[in-house]
Amino acid sequence: MTNPLVSTQWLHDHFNDPNLIILDASQKKNISGEKSNLENKQIKGARKFDIKNTFSDQESDLPNTIPSPEQFQEECRKLGINKNSKIVAYDNLGIYTSPRVWYLFKIMGHKEIAVLDGGLPEWDSNGFEIEEIADSVFEKGDFEAKYHPDLFKSRAEVKGNLKTKEAQVLDARSAGRFDGTAQEPRVGLPSGHIPQSTSLPYTEVLENGKYKSKEELKALFDKKEIDDRPMIFTCGSGITACVIMLASELVLENEKSVFDGSWTEWAQREEDLIELG
């Protein structure tokens, strides 16, 4: 499974692979207010991957931050995930939270991880089997987390980059939130953007809940004047940053990382470094 993105037909064809594990990253609600008409459904045999409550650092004052390798490893084992598991993640909005799962497994050193293009809506529209969501207990797995810090960027590193300009920062929030003409959905948080960053709303890499073609994605990154420097991805809280990171992974060879605290951390702690327009 060398491709970070797989089709619903690929998943259907490999459905009986004994090492395959399907993870449902759907959330009951999200900051964008998007809703699914498949809220209580899942792909047959899928296992719930709870980003907000299980696979994030519950002691952090920031939302959705990366858990410790120890926490991630233990929770994966509870889901029956093994070192040799081939993992496909999806969500019920098409592409929204599932790239975050891909990113988390990458930073924890697991290579056999892909996102289902089009997610549950695409799976369902093809007539493939879905079922009601139900709680399940799994035989404990032997997954091992091997943390890769190069895929993570702190606020201090992003701030330092303002001087060095060694990396280019891409922001997945809407254009209005980026330029300060629209309110942030988190109460009390100002809108605007990190100086020198580039706006790339995550919706621009998608079409009808699926990723655009590689040709379209390459043209989009060319339009944003992306060069060969490392890329740092940011958004509101680290979720949709992974959507555009995966889009870049499909067409660009640049080094890539996520500013995990994203705008929530920056706007709270770098009030003097907020640009508008």
Foldseek 3Di string as FASTA:
>chain_A
DQAQEDELVVCVVCVPPPQEAEEEAADPADLVRDDFPQNQKDAPRHDYDDQFPQQAPPPDPATRHGDDQVSVQQVCQFRVHELRHQYEYFYRLLDFQRLVVVLNQVQQPRRNYHYYGGGPVNNVVVVHDMDGDDDDTDRGYHDGGDGDCLQEDEPVRVVVCVVVVQEAEEEQEDPCQQQQNDQRSDPPFGGHHFPRHHYDHLVCQDDNSGGDDLVSLVVVVVVSVDDQGAYEFAYCAQRSSSSVVSSCVVHHDHHHHYHRSHSVVCRVPVVVRGHHD
